[in-house]
Amino acid sequence: MAAKIQLARGIDEEATDVKITRSKDGDTSVAVFIFAAPNCMTGENAGNNEILGMYMIDEEGEMVTRNVNAKFVNGKSSGIEAIHKLNGEVEWERFLRFMNRYAESNGMSLNKA
């Protein structure tokens, strides 16, 4: 199973950008996902979908965040930002495994700051 992200169930998305920060002690981390033109808000899907969160799905299961914000300019969608908070080493390691799978599936690469 390829790793995928969905904002509306059944519609796969490709993140435009992902920014990850981690505290010095490693206890808390935050991943910010940017979707410039999400599939769930464009074309035939526009206006027909209920976005209740961001679902990160892979062979290990599903991780969910409800912190999802749509951005609009002059009444038109200009993207979605989703924030996923991670607590502790176990959640961090699970997230990294997902991101490695997602990056492989979508041709993404890591750029360190």
PDB file of N, CA and C in Angstrom:
ATOM      1  N   MET A   1       0.844  -1.195   0.000  1.00  0.00           N
ATOM      2  CA  MET A   1       0.000   0.000   0.000  1.00  0.00           C
ATOM      3  C   MET A   1       0.883   1.251   0.000  1.00  0.00           C
ATOM      4  N   ALA A   2       0.606   2.141  -0.923  1.00  0.00           N
ATOM      5  CA  ALA A   2       1.333   3.410  -0.980  1.00  0.00           C
ATOM      6  C   ALA A   2       0.801   4.347   0.102  1.00  0.00           C
ATOM      7  N   ALA A   3       1.691   5.125   0.676  1.00  0.00           N
ATOM      8  CA  ALA A   3       1.284   6.112   1.666  1.00  0.00           C
ATOM      9  C   ALA A   3       0.525   7.232   0.966  1.00  0.00           C
ATOM     10  N   LYS A   4      -0.542   7.700   1.605  1.00  0.00           N
ATOM     11  CA  LYS A   4      -1.329   8.768   1.001  1.00  0.00           C
ATOM     12  C   LYS A   4      -1.885   9.696   2.072  1.00  0.00           C
ATOM     13  N   ILE A   5      -2.216  10.900   1.627  1.00  0.00           N
ATOM     14  CA  ILE A   5      -2.849  11.894   2.488  1.00  0.00           C
ATOM     15  C   ILE A   5      -4.189  12.241   1.873  1.00  0.00           C
ATOM     16  N   GLN A   6      -5.205  12.315   2.726  1.00  0.00           N
ATOM     17  CA  GLN A   6      -6.530  12.719   2.274  1.00  0.00           C
ATOM     18  C   GLN A   6      -7.051  13.818   3.194  1.00  0.00           C
ATOM     19  N   LEU A   7      -7.670  14.830   2.600  1.00  0.00           N
ATOM     20  CA  LEU A   7      -8.349  15.879   3.358  1.00  0.00           C
ATOM     21  C   LEU A   7      -9.846  15.599   3.383  1.00  0.00           C
ATOM     22  N   ALA A   8     -10.352  15.041   2.323  1.00  0.00           N
ATOM     23  CA  ALA A   8     -11.730  14.550   2.237  1.00  0.00           C
ATOM     24  C   ALA A   8     -11.599  13.063   1.921  1.00  0.00           C
ATOM     25  N   ARG A   9     -12.355  12.251   2.611  1.00  0.00           N
ATOM     26  CA  ARG A   9     -12.246  10.797   2.441  1.00  0.00           C
ATOM     27  C   ARG A   9     -12.396  10.401   0.974  1.00  0.00           C
ATOM     28  N   GLY A  10     -11.448   9.565   0.519  1.00  0.00           N
ATOM     29  CA  GLY A  10     -11.515   9.032  -0.831  1.00  0.00           C
ATOM     30  C   GLY A  10     -10.811   9.854  -1.892  1.00  0.00           C
ATOM     31  N   ILE A  11     -10.309  11.048  -1.534  1.00  0.00           N
ATOM     32  CA  ILE A  11      -9.625  11.902  -2.507  1.00  0.00           C
ATOM     33  C   ILE A  11      -8.184  12.105  -2.042  1.00  0.00           C
ATOM     34  N   ASP A  12      -7.241  11.499  -2.766  1.00  0.00           N
ATOM     35  CA  ASP A  12      -5.829  11.609  -2.416  1.00  0.00           C
ATOM     36  C   ASP A  12      -5.291  12.992  -2.763  1.00  0.00           C
ATOM     37  N   GLU A  13      -4.403  13.470  -1.906  1.00  0.00           N
ATOM     38  CA  GLU A  13      -3.809  14.794  -2.084  1.00  0.00           C
ATOM     39  C   GLU A  13      -2.296  14.690  -2.168  1.00  0.00           C
ATOM     40  N   GLU A  14      -1.685  15.702  -2.768  1.00  0.00           N
ATOM     41  CA  GLU A  14      -0.230  15.799  -2.778  1.00  0.00           C
ATOM     42  C   GLU A  14       0.153  17.123  -2.129  1.00  0.00           C
ATOM     43  N   ALA A  15       0.910  17.034  -1.042  1.00  0.00           N
ATOM     44  CA  ALA A  15       1.333  18.235  -0.334  1.00  0.00           C
ATOM     45  C   ALA A  15       2.288  19.041  -1.202  1.00  0.00           C
ATOM     46  N   THR A  16       2.096  20.356  -1.214  1.00  0.00           N
ATOM     47  CA  THR A  16       2.979  21.255  -1.933  1.00  0.00           C
ATOM     48  C   THR A  16       4.269  21.455  -1.149  1.00  0.00           C
ATOM     49  N   ASP A  17       4.122  21.498   0.184  1.00  0.00           N
ATOM     50  CA  ASP A  17       5.269  21.718   1.065  1.00  0.00           C
ATOM     51  C   ASP A  17       4.959  21.120   2.433  1.00  0.00           C
ATOM     52  N   VAL A  18       6.001  20.639   3.113  1.00  0.00           N
ATOM     53  CA  VAL A  18       5.876  20.147   4.483  1.00  0.00           C
ATOM     54  C   VAL A  18       7.042  20.725   5.267  1.00  0.00           C
ATOM     55  N   LYS A  19       6.732  21.394   6.381  1.00  0.00           N
ATOM     56  CA  LYS A  19       7.771  21.956   7.245  1.00  0.00           C
ATOM     57  C   LYS A  19       7.666  21.288   8.606  1.00  0.00           C
ATOM     58  N   ILE A  20       8.797  20.786   9.095  1.00  0.00           N
ATOM     59  CA  ILE A  20       8.811  20.053  10.354  1.00  0.00           C
ATOM     60  C   ILE A  20       9.761  20.734  11.321  1.00  0.00           C
ATOM     61  N   THR A  21       9.275  20.968  12.547  1.00  0.00           N
ATOM     62  CA  THR A  21      10.127  21.503  13.605  1.00  0.00           C
ATOM     63  C   THR A  21      10.052  20.568  14.801  1.00  0.00           C
ATOM     64  N   ARG A  22      11.146  20.531  15.564  1.00  0.00           N
ATOM     65  CA  ARG A  22      11.203  19.652  16.737  1.00  0.00           C
ATOM     66  C   ARG A  22      11.897  20.402  17.863  1.00  0.00           C
ATOM     67  N   SER A  23      11.369  20.250  19.072  1.00  0.00           N
ATOM     68  CA  SER A  23      11.979  20.915  20.218  1.00  0.00           C
ATOM     69  C   SER A  23      13.356  20.312  20.492  1.00  0.00           C
ATOM     70  N   LYS A  24      14.205  21.059  21.168  1.00  0.00           N
ATOM     71  CA  LYS A  24      15.564  20.591  21.451  1.00  0.00           C
ATOM     72  C   LYS A  24      15.583  19.307  22.263  1.00  0.00           C
ATOM     73  N   ASP A  25      14.631  19.167  23.176  1.00  0.00           N
ATOM     74  CA  ASP A  25      14.601  17.951  23.996  1.00  0.00           C
ATOM     75  C   ASP A  25      13.866  16.799  23.304  1.00  0.00           C
ATOM     76  N   GLY A  26      13.272  17.063  22.134  1.00  0.00           N
ATOM     77  CA  GLY A  26      12.615  16.008  21.363  1.00  0.00           C
ATOM     78  C   GLY A  26      11.232  15.616  21.850  1.00  0.00           C
ATOM     79  N   ASP A  27      10.720  16.314  22.866  1.00  0.00           N
ATOM     80  CA  ASP A  27       9.405  15.960  23.419  1.00  0.00           C
ATOM     81  C   ASP A  27       8.243  16.365  22.523  1.00  0.00           C
ATOM     82  N   THR A  28       8.383  17.479  21.821  1.00  0.00           N
ATOM     83  CA  THR A  28       7.289  17.941  20.965  1.00  0.00           C
ATOM     84  C   THR A  28       7.817  18.296  19.574  1.00  0.00           C
ATOM     85  N   SER A  29       6.984  18.011  18.602  1.00  0.00           N
ATOM     86  CA  SER A  29       7.305  18.317  17.209  1.00  0.00           C
ATOM     87  C   SER A  29       6.036  18.797  16.524  1.00  0.00           C
ATOM     88  N   VAL A  30       6.225  19.576  15.467  1.00  0.00           N
ATOM     89  CA  VAL A  30       5.090  20.081  14.700  1.00  0.00           C
ATOM     90  C   VAL A  30       5.415  19.940  13.213  1.00  0.00           C
ATOM     91  N   ALA A  31       4.455  19.391  12.464  1.00  0.00           N
ATOM     92  CA  ALA A  31       4.577  19.305  11.013  1.00  0.00           C
ATOM     93  C   ALA A  31       3.473  20.147  10.403  1.00  0.00           C
ATOM     94  N   VAL A  32       3.851  21.057   9.514  1.00  0.00           N
ATOM     95  CA  VAL A  32       2.889  21.917   8.832  1.00  0.00           C
ATOM     96  C   VAL A  32       2.859  21.508   7.356  1.00  0.00           C
ATOM     97  N   PHE A  33       1.690  21.086   6.897  1.00  0.00           N
ATOM     98  CA  PHE A  33       1.485  20.653   5.518  1.00  0.00           C
ATOM     99  C   PHE A  33       0.766  21.765   4.761  1.00  0.00           C
ATOM    100  N   ILE A  34       1.265  22.096   3.580  1.00  0.00           N
ATOM    101  CA  ILE A  34       0.642  23.094   2.720  1.00  0.00           C
ATOM    102  C   ILE A  34       0.149  22.395   1.453  1.00  0.00           C
ATOM    103  N   PHE A  35      -1.098  22.655   1.112  1.00  0.00           N
ATOM    104  CA  PHE A  35      -1.705  22.143  -0.121  1.00  0.00           C
ATOM    105  C   PHE A  35      -2.154  23.360  -0.918  1.00  0.00           C
ATOM    106  N   ALA A  36      -1.402  23.723  -1.978  1.00  0.00           N
ATOM    107  CA  ALA A  36      -1.700  24.940  -2.742  1.00  0.00           C
ATOM    108  C   ALA A  36      -3.000  24.823  -3.528  1.00  0.00           C
ATOM    109  N   ALA A  37      -3.221  23.678  -4.136  1.00  0.00           N
ATOM    110  CA  ALA A  37      -4.444  23.468  -4.929  1.00  0.00           C
ATOM    111  C   ALA A  37      -4.955  22.061  -4.638  1.00  0.00           C
ATOM    112  N   PRO A  38      -5.559  21.868  -3.469  1.00  0.00           N
ATOM    113  CA  PRO A  38      -5.990  20.519  -3.093  1.00  0.00           C
ATOM    114  C   PRO A  38      -7.054  19.961  -4.035  1.00  0.00           C
ATOM    115  N   ASN A  39      -6.928  18.681  -4.336  1.00  0.00           N
ATOM    116  CA  ASN A  39      -7.868  18.006  -5.232  1.00  0.00           C
ATOM    117  C   ASN A  39      -9.306  18.083  -4.724  1.00  0.00           C
ATOM    118  N   CYS A  40      -9.481  18.081  -3.408  1.00  0.00           N
ATOM    119  CA  CYS A  40     -10.833  18.091  -2.838  1.00  0.00           C
ATOM    120  C   CYS A  40     -11.543  19.433  -3.017  1.00  0.00           C
ATOM    121  N   MET A  41     -10.809  20.475  -3.474  1.00  0.00           N
ATOM    122  CA  MET A  41     -11.411  21.793  -3.639  1.00  0.00           C
ATOM    123  C   MET A  41     -11.348  22.293  -5.080  1.00  0.00           C
ATOM    124  N   THR A  42     -10.962  21.426  -6.018  1.00  0.00           N
ATOM    125  CA  THR A  42     -10.826  21.856  -7.404  1.00  0.00           C
ATOM    126  C   THR A  42     -11.632  20.964  -8.335  1.00  0.00           C
ATOM    127  N   GLY A  43     -11.886  21.464  -9.519  1.00  0.00           N
ATOM    128  CA  GLY A  43     -12.572  20.689 -10.557  1.00  0.00           C
ATOM    129  C   GLY A  43     -13.935  20.199 -10.131  1.00  0.00           C
ATOM    130  N   GLU A  44     -14.240  18.970 -10.473  1.00  0.00           N
ATOM    131  CA  GLU A  44     -15.549  18.389 -10.166  1.00  0.00           C
ATOM    132  C   GLU A  44     -15.763  18.172  -8.680  1.00  0.00           C
ATOM    133  N   ASN A  45     -14.673  18.193  -7.892  1.00  0.00           N
ATOM    134  CA  ASN A  45     -14.774  17.983  -6.447  1.00  0.00           C
ATOM    135  C   ASN A  45     -15.099  19.258  -5.679  1.00  0.00           C
ATOM    136  N   ALA A  46     -14.955  20.403  -6.302  1.00  0.00           N
ATOM    137  CA  ALA A  46     -15.111  21.682  -5.617  1.00  0.00           C
ATOM    138  C   ALA A  46     -16.490  21.807  -4.971  1.00  0.00           C
ATOM    139  N   GLY A  47     -16.484  22.110  -3.686  1.00  0.00           N
ATOM    140  CA  GLY A  47     -17.725  22.378  -2.962  1.00  0.00           C
ATOM    141  C   GLY A  47     -18.551  21.161  -2.588  1.00  0.00           C
ATOM    142  N   ASN A  48     -18.116  19.970  -2.971  1.00  0.00           N
ATOM    143  CA  ASN A  48     -18.906  18.770  -2.688  1.00  0.00           C
ATOM    144  C   ASN A  48     -18.342  17.918  -1.566  1.00  0.00           C
ATOM    145  N   ASN A  49     -17.270  18.347  -0.941  1.00  0.00           N
ATOM    146  CA  ASN A  49     -16.595  17.505   0.042  1.00  0.00           C
ATOM    147  C   ASN A  49     -16.571  18.121   1.424  1.00  0.00           C
ATOM    148  N   GLU A  50     -16.640  17.255   2.394  1.00  0.00           N
ATOM    149  CA  GLU A  50     -16.564  17.673   3.784  1.00  0.00           C
ATOM    150  C   GLU A  50     -15.149  17.391   4.282  1.00  0.00           C
ATOM    151  N   ILE A  51     -14.437  18.442   4.651  1.00  0.00           N
ATOM    152  CA  ILE A  51     -13.070  18.304   5.147  1.00  0.00           C
ATOM    153  C   ILE A  51     -13.133  18.365   6.667  1.00  0.00           C
ATOM    154  N   LEU A  52     -12.923  17.211   7.287  1.00  0.00           N
ATOM    155  CA  LEU A  52     -12.997  17.123   8.747  1.00  0.00           C
ATOM    156  C   LEU A  52     -11.633  16.942   9.393  1.00  0.00           C
ATOM    157  N   GLY A  53     -10.600  16.820   8.576  1.00  0.00           N
ATOM    158  CA  GLY A  53      -9.255  16.635   9.097  1.00  0.00           C
ATOM    159  C   GLY A  53      -8.311  16.265   7.982  1.00  0.00           C
ATOM    160  N   MET A  54      -7.075  15.967   8.372  1.00  0.00           N
ATOM    161  CA  MET A  54      -6.091  15.447   7.429  1.00  0.00           C
ATOM    162  C   MET A  54      -5.783  14.023   7.873  1.00  0.00           C
ATOM    163  N   TYR A  55      -5.919  13.097   6.934  1.00  0.00           N
ATOM    164  CA  TYR A  55      -5.737  11.683   7.209  1.00  0.00           C
ATOM    165  C   TYR A  55      -4.474  11.209   6.514  1.00  0.00           C
ATOM    166  N   MET A  56      -3.505  10.730   7.288  1.00  0.00           N
ATOM    167  CA  MET A  56      -2.261  10.192   6.755  1.00  0.00           C
ATOM    168  C   MET A  56      -2.354   8.674   6.855  1.00  0.00           C
ATOM    169  N   ILE A  57      -2.416   8.014   5.708  1.00  0.00           N
ATOM    170  CA  ILE A  57      -2.746   6.596   5.652  1.00  0.00           C
ATOM    171  C   ILE A  57      -1.587   5.826   5.015  1.00  0.00           C
ATOM    172  N   ASP A  58      -1.159   4.763   5.684  1.00  0.00           N
ATOM    173  CA  ASP A  58      -0.150   3.865   5.111  1.00  0.00           C
ATOM    174  C   ASP A  58      -0.379   2.454   5.629  1.00  0.00           C
ATOM    175  N   GLU A  59       0.575   1.574   5.380  1.00  0.00           N
ATOM    176  CA  GLU A  59       0.413   0.173   5.749  1.00  0.00           C
ATOM    177  C   GLU A  59       0.329  -0.063   7.257  1.00  0.00           C
ATOM    178  N   GLU A  60       0.787   0.892   8.061  1.00  0.00           N
ATOM    179  CA  GLU A  60       0.706   0.764   9.513  1.00  0.00           C
ATOM    180  C   GLU A  60      -0.631   1.237  10.071  1.00  0.00           C
ATOM    181  N   GLY A  61      -1.414   1.920   9.266  1.00  0.00           N
ATOM    182  CA  GLY A  61      -2.693   2.430   9.743  1.00  0.00           C
ATOM    183  C   GLY A  61      -2.912   3.878   9.344  1.00  0.00           C
ATOM    184  N   GLU A  62      -3.482   4.652  10.271  1.00  0.00           N
ATOM    185  CA  GLU A  62      -3.883   6.020   9.961  1.00  0.00           C
ATOM    186  C   GLU A  62      -3.542   6.949  11.113  1.00  0.00           C
ATOM    187  N   MET A  63      -3.016   8.120  10.775  1.00  0.00           N
ATOM    188  CA  MET A  63      -2.825   9.200  11.738  1.00  0.00           C
ATOM    189  C   MET A  63      -3.740  10.337  11.297  1.00  0.00           C
ATOM    190  N   VAL A  64      -4.339  11.032  12.252  1.00  0.00           N
ATOM    191  CA  VAL A  64      -5.324  12.070  11.929  1.00  0.00           C
ATOM    192  C   VAL A  64      -5.003  13.344  12.703  1.00  0.00           C
ATOM    193  N   THR A  65      -5.148  14.472  12.022  1.00  0.00           N
ATOM    194  CA  THR A  65      -5.137  15.759  12.712  1.00  0.00           C
ATOM    195  C   THR A  65      -6.401  16.503  12.303  1.00  0.00           C
ATOM    196  N   ARG A  66      -6.987  17.205  13.239  1.00  0.00           N
ATOM    197  CA  ARG A  66      -8.194  17.994  12.963  1.00  0.00           C
ATOM    198  C   ARG A  66      -7.864  19.475  12.767  1.00  0.00           C
ATOM    199  N   ASN A  67      -6.589  19.823  12.918  1.00  0.00           N
ATOM    200  CA  ASN A  67      -6.155  21.213  12.800  1.00  0.00           C
ATOM    201  C   ASN A  67      -5.905  21.525  11.322  1.00  0.00           C
ATOM    202  N   VAL A  68      -6.981  21.792  10.591  1.00  0.00           N
ATOM    203  CA  VAL A  68      -6.928  22.046   9.154  1.00  0.00           C
ATOM    204  C   VAL A  68      -7.615  23.379   8.873  1.00  0.00           C
ATOM    205  N   ASN A  69      -6.925  24.250   8.119  1.00  0.00           N
ATOM    206  CA  ASN A  69      -7.453  25.581   7.834  1.00  0.00           C
ATOM    207  C   ASN A  69      -7.418  25.863   6.339  1.00  0.00           C
ATOM    208  N   ALA A  70      -8.558  26.237   5.784  1.00  0.00           N
ATOM    209  CA  ALA A  70      -8.625  26.629   4.371  1.00  0.00           C
ATOM    210  C   ALA A  70      -8.318  28.116   4.270  1.00  0.00           C
ATOM    211  N   LYS A  71      -7.644  28.488   3.193  1.00  0.00           N
ATOM    212  CA  LYS A  71      -7.329  29.896   2.960  1.00  0.00           C
ATOM    213  C   LYS A  71      -8.062  30.346   1.709  1.00  0.00           C
ATOM    214  N   PHE A  72      -8.639  31.547   1.781  1.00  0.00           N
ATOM    215  CA  PHE A  72      -9.383  32.107   0.657  1.00  0.00           C
ATOM    216  C   PHE A  72      -8.889  33.514   0.354  1.00  0.00           C
ATOM    217  N   VAL A  73      -8.834  33.841  -0.929  1.00  0.00           N
ATOM    218  CA  VAL A  73      -8.487  35.187  -1.388  1.00  0.00           C
ATOM    219  C   VAL A  73      -9.584  35.609  -2.354  1.00  0.00           C
ATOM    220  N   ASN A  74     -10.239  36.730  -2.047  1.00  0.00           N
ATOM    221  CA  ASN A  74     -11.352  37.226  -2.862  1.00  0.00           C
ATOM    222  C   ASN A  74     -12.425  36.159  -3.085  1.00  0.00           C
ATOM    223  N   GLY A  75     -12.695  35.384  -2.047  1.00  0.00           N
ATOM    224  CA  GLY A  75     -13.749  34.378  -2.101  1.00  0.00           C
ATOM    225  C   GLY A  75     -13.392  33.091  -2.825  1.00  0.00           C
ATOM    226  N   LYS A  76     -12.147  32.963  -3.260  1.00  0.00           N
ATOM    227  CA  LYS A  76     -11.720  31.750  -3.959  1.00  0.00           C
ATOM    228  C   LYS A  76     -10.649  31.035  -3.149  1.00  0.00           C
ATOM    229  N   SER A  77     -10.690  29.721  -3.184  1.00  0.00           N
ATOM    230  CA  SER A  77      -9.736  28.913  -2.445  1.00  0.00           C
ATOM    231  C   SER A  77      -8.310  29.198  -2.885  1.00  0.00           C
ATOM    232  N   SER A  78      -7.438  29.403  -1.909  1.00  0.00           N
ATOM    233  CA  SER A  78      -6.024  29.585  -2.233  1.00  0.00           C
ATOM    234  C   SER A  78      -5.173  28.573  -1.483  1.00  0.00           C
ATOM    235  N   GLY A  79      -5.795  27.490  -1.026  1.00  0.00           N
ATOM    236  CA  GLY A  79      -5.032  26.414  -0.412  1.00  0.00           C
ATOM    237  C   GLY A  79      -5.507  26.017   0.963  1.00  0.00           C
ATOM    238  N   ILE A  80      -4.848  25.005   1.476  1.00  0.00           N
ATOM    239  CA  ILE A  80      -5.155  24.468   2.804  1.00  0.00           C
ATOM    240  C   ILE A  80      -3.855  24.273   3.563  1.00  0.00           C
ATOM    241  N   GLU A  81      -3.899  24.582   4.857  1.00  0.00           N
ATOM    242  CA  GLU A  81      -2.779  24.346   5.757  1.00  0.00           C
ATOM    243  C   GLU A  81      -3.269  23.389   6.840  1.00  0.00           C
ATOM    244  N   ALA A  82      -2.496  22.330   7.078  1.00  0.00           N
ATOM    245  CA  ALA A  82      -2.833  21.369   8.130  1.00  0.00           C
ATOM    246  C   ALA A  82      -1.645  21.263   9.082  1.00  0.00           C
ATOM    247  N   ILE A  83      -1.925  21.285  10.374  1.00  0.00           N
ATOM    248  CA  ILE A  83      -0.875  21.225  11.392  1.00  0.00           C
ATOM    249  C   ILE A  83      -1.044  19.939  12.202  1.00  0.00           C
ATOM    250  N   HIS A  84       0.026  19.149  12.219  1.00  0.00           N
ATOM    251  CA  HIS A  84       0.017  17.878  12.955  1.00  0.00           C
ATOM    252  C   HIS A  84       1.036  17.974  14.088  1.00  0.00           C
ATOM    253  N   LYS A  85       0.571  17.856  15.335  1.00  0.00           N
ATOM    254  CA  LYS A  85       1.447  17.927  16.503  1.00  0.00           C
ATOM    255  C   LYS A  85       1.802  16.521  16.957  1.00  0.00           C
ATOM    256  N   LEU A  86       3.072  16.352  17.313  1.00  0.00           N
ATOM    257  CA  LEU A  86       3.585  15.053  17.737  1.00  0.00           C
ATOM    258  C   LEU A  86       4.164  15.185  19.138  1.00  0.00           C
ATOM    259  N   ASN A  87       3.853  14.214  19.985  1.00  0.00           N
ATOM    260  CA  ASN A  87       4.373  14.220  21.349  1.00  0.00           C
ATOM    261  C   ASN A  87       5.176  12.956  21.601  1.00  0.00           C
ATOM    262  N   GLY A  88       6.439  13.125  21.947  1.00  0.00           N
ATOM    263  CA  GLY A  88       7.281  12.000  22.325  1.00  0.00           C
ATOM    264  C   GLY A  88       7.926  11.277  21.157  1.00  0.00           C
ATOM    265  N   GLU A  89       8.823  10.389  21.498  1.00  0.00           N
ATOM    266  CA  GLU A  89       9.638   9.659  20.531  1.00  0.00           C
ATOM    267  C   GLU A  89       8.834   8.662  19.701  1.00  0.00           C
ATOM    268  N   VAL A  90       7.853   8.001  20.306  1.00  0.00           N
ATOM    269  CA  VAL A  90       7.062   6.995  19.587  1.00  0.00           C
ATOM    270  C   VAL A  90       6.283   7.636  18.441  1.00  0.00           C
ATOM    271  N   GLU A  91       5.599   8.755  18.714  1.00  0.00           N
ATOM    272  CA  GLU A  91       4.855   9.460  17.662  1.00  0.00           C
ATOM    273  C   GLU A  91       5.801  10.015  16.594  1.00  0.00           C
ATOM    274  N   TRP A  92       6.961  10.510  17.018  1.00  0.00           N
ATOM    275  CA  TRP A  92       7.947  11.056  16.080  1.00  0.00           C
ATOM    276  C   TRP A  92       8.422   9.966  15.120  1.00  0.00           C
ATOM    277  N   GLU A  93       8.800   8.811  15.653  1.00  0.00           N
ATOM    278  CA  GLU A  93       9.296   7.705  14.821  1.00  0.00           C
ATOM    279  C   GLU A  93       8.212   7.220  13.858  1.00  0.00           C
ATOM    280  N   ARG A  94       6.988   7.114  14.329  1.00  0.00           N
ATOM    281  CA  ARG A  94       5.878   6.691  13.465  1.00  0.00           C
ATOM    282  C   ARG A  94       5.668   7.698  12.334  1.00  0.00           C
ATOM    283  N   PHE A  95       5.718   8.984  12.668  1.00  0.00           N
ATOM    284  CA  PHE A  95       5.551  10.030  11.665  1.00  0.00           C
ATOM    285  C   PHE A  95       6.666   9.963  10.614  1.00  0.00           C
ATOM    286  N   LEU A  96       7.904   9.751  11.044  1.00  0.00           N
ATOM    287  CA  LEU A  96       9.023   9.659  10.103  1.00  0.00           C
ATOM    288  C   LEU A  96       8.867   8.470   9.161  1.00  0.00           C
ATOM    289  N   ARG A  97       8.394   7.342   9.681  1.00  0.00           N
ATOM    290  CA  ARG A  97       8.159   6.188   8.811  1.00  0.00           C
ATOM    291  C   ARG A  97       7.105   6.520   7.763  1.00  0.00           C
ATOM    292  N   PHE A  98       6.021   7.196   8.188  1.00  0.00           N
ATOM    293  CA  PHE A  98       4.990   7.603   7.231  1.00  0.00           C
ATOM    294  C   PHE A  98       5.570   8.548   6.187  1.00  0.00           C
ATOM    295  N   MET A  99       6.297   9.568   6.633  1.00  0.00           N
ATOM    296  CA  MET A  99       6.827  10.569   5.705  1.00  0.00           C
ATOM    297  C   MET A  99       7.797   9.957   4.702  1.00  0.00           C
ATOM    298  N   ASN A 100       8.603   8.995   5.130  1.00  0.00           N
ATOM    299  CA  ASN A 100       9.500   8.317   4.187  1.00  0.00           C
ATOM    300  C   ASN A 100       8.703   7.588   3.114  1.00  0.00           C
ATOM    301  N   ARG A 101       7.646   6.909   3.510  1.00  0.00           N
ATOM    302  CA  ARG A 101       6.790   6.209   2.546  1.00  0.00           C
ATOM    303  C   ARG A 101       6.078   7.209   1.630  1.00  0.00           C
ATOM    304  N   TYR A 102       5.567   8.285   2.219  1.00  0.00           N
ATOM    305  CA  TYR A 102       4.851   9.297   1.439  1.00  0.00           C
ATOM    306  C   TYR A 102       5.796   9.967   0.434  1.00  0.00           C
ATOM    307  N   ALA A 103       7.012  10.284   0.870  1.00  0.00           N
ATOM    308  CA  ALA A 103       7.995  10.912  -0.010  1.00  0.00           C
ATOM    309  C   ALA A 103       8.324   9.989  -1.183  1.00  0.00           C
ATOM    310  N   GLU A 104       8.506   8.707  -0.914  1.00  0.00           N
ATOM    311  CA  GLU A 104       8.784   7.748  -1.983  1.00  0.00           C
ATOM    312  C   GLU A 104       7.625   7.671  -2.971  1.00  0.00           C
ATOM    313  N   SER A 105       6.402   7.671  -2.465  1.00  0.00           N
ATOM    314  CA  SER A 105       5.216   7.552  -3.304  1.00  0.00           C
ATOM    315  C   SER A 105       4.985   8.788  -4.166  1.00  0.00           C
ATOM    316  N   ASN A 106       5.461   9.970  -3.700  1.00  0.00           N
ATOM    317  CA  ASN A 106       5.147  11.229  -4.382  1.00  0.00           C
ATOM    318  C   ASN A 106       6.367  11.974  -4.916  1.00  0.00           C
ATOM    319  N   GLY A 107       7.513  11.313  -4.933  1.00  0.00           N
ATOM    320  CA  GLY A 107       8.718  11.936  -5.494  1.00  0.00           C
ATOM    321  C   GLY A 107       9.193  13.153  -4.734  1.00  0.00           C
ATOM    322  N   MET A 108       9.011  13.146  -3.414  1.00  0.00           N
ATOM    323  CA  MET A 108       9.455  14.275  -2.593  1.00  0.00           C
ATOM    324  C   MET A 108      10.859  13.988  -2.045  1.00  0.00           C
ATOM    325  N   SER A 109      11.543  15.042  -1.616  1.00  0.00           N
ATOM    326  CA  SER A 109      12.858  14.877  -1.012  1.00  0.00           C
ATOM    327  C   SER A 109      12.980  15.794   0.204  1.00  0.00           C
ATOM    328  N   LEU A 110      13.969  15.498   1.034  1.00  0.00           N
ATOM    329  CA  LEU A 110      14.196  16.260   2.251  1.00  0.00           C
ATOM    330  C   LEU A 110      15.226  17.366   1.993  1.00  0.00           C
ATOM    331  N   ASN A 111      14.881  18.577   2.392  1.00  0.00           N
ATOM    332  CA  ASN A 111      15.816  19.704   2.340  1.00  0.00           C
ATOM    333  C   ASN A 111      15.989  20.224   3.753  1.00  0.00           C
ATOM    334  N   LYS A 112      17.179  20.007   4.322  1.00  0.00           N
ATOM    335  CA  LYS A 112      17.428  20.471   5.692  1.00  0.00           C
ATOM    336  C   LYS A 112      17.689  21.963   5.698  1.00  0.00           C
ATOM    337  N   ALA A 113      17.245  22.609   6.772  1.00  0.00           N
ATOM    338  CA  ALA A 113      17.413  24.072   6.903  1.00  0.00           C
ATOM    339  C   ALA A 113      18.867  24.437   7.081  1.00  0.00           C
TER     340      ALA A 113
END
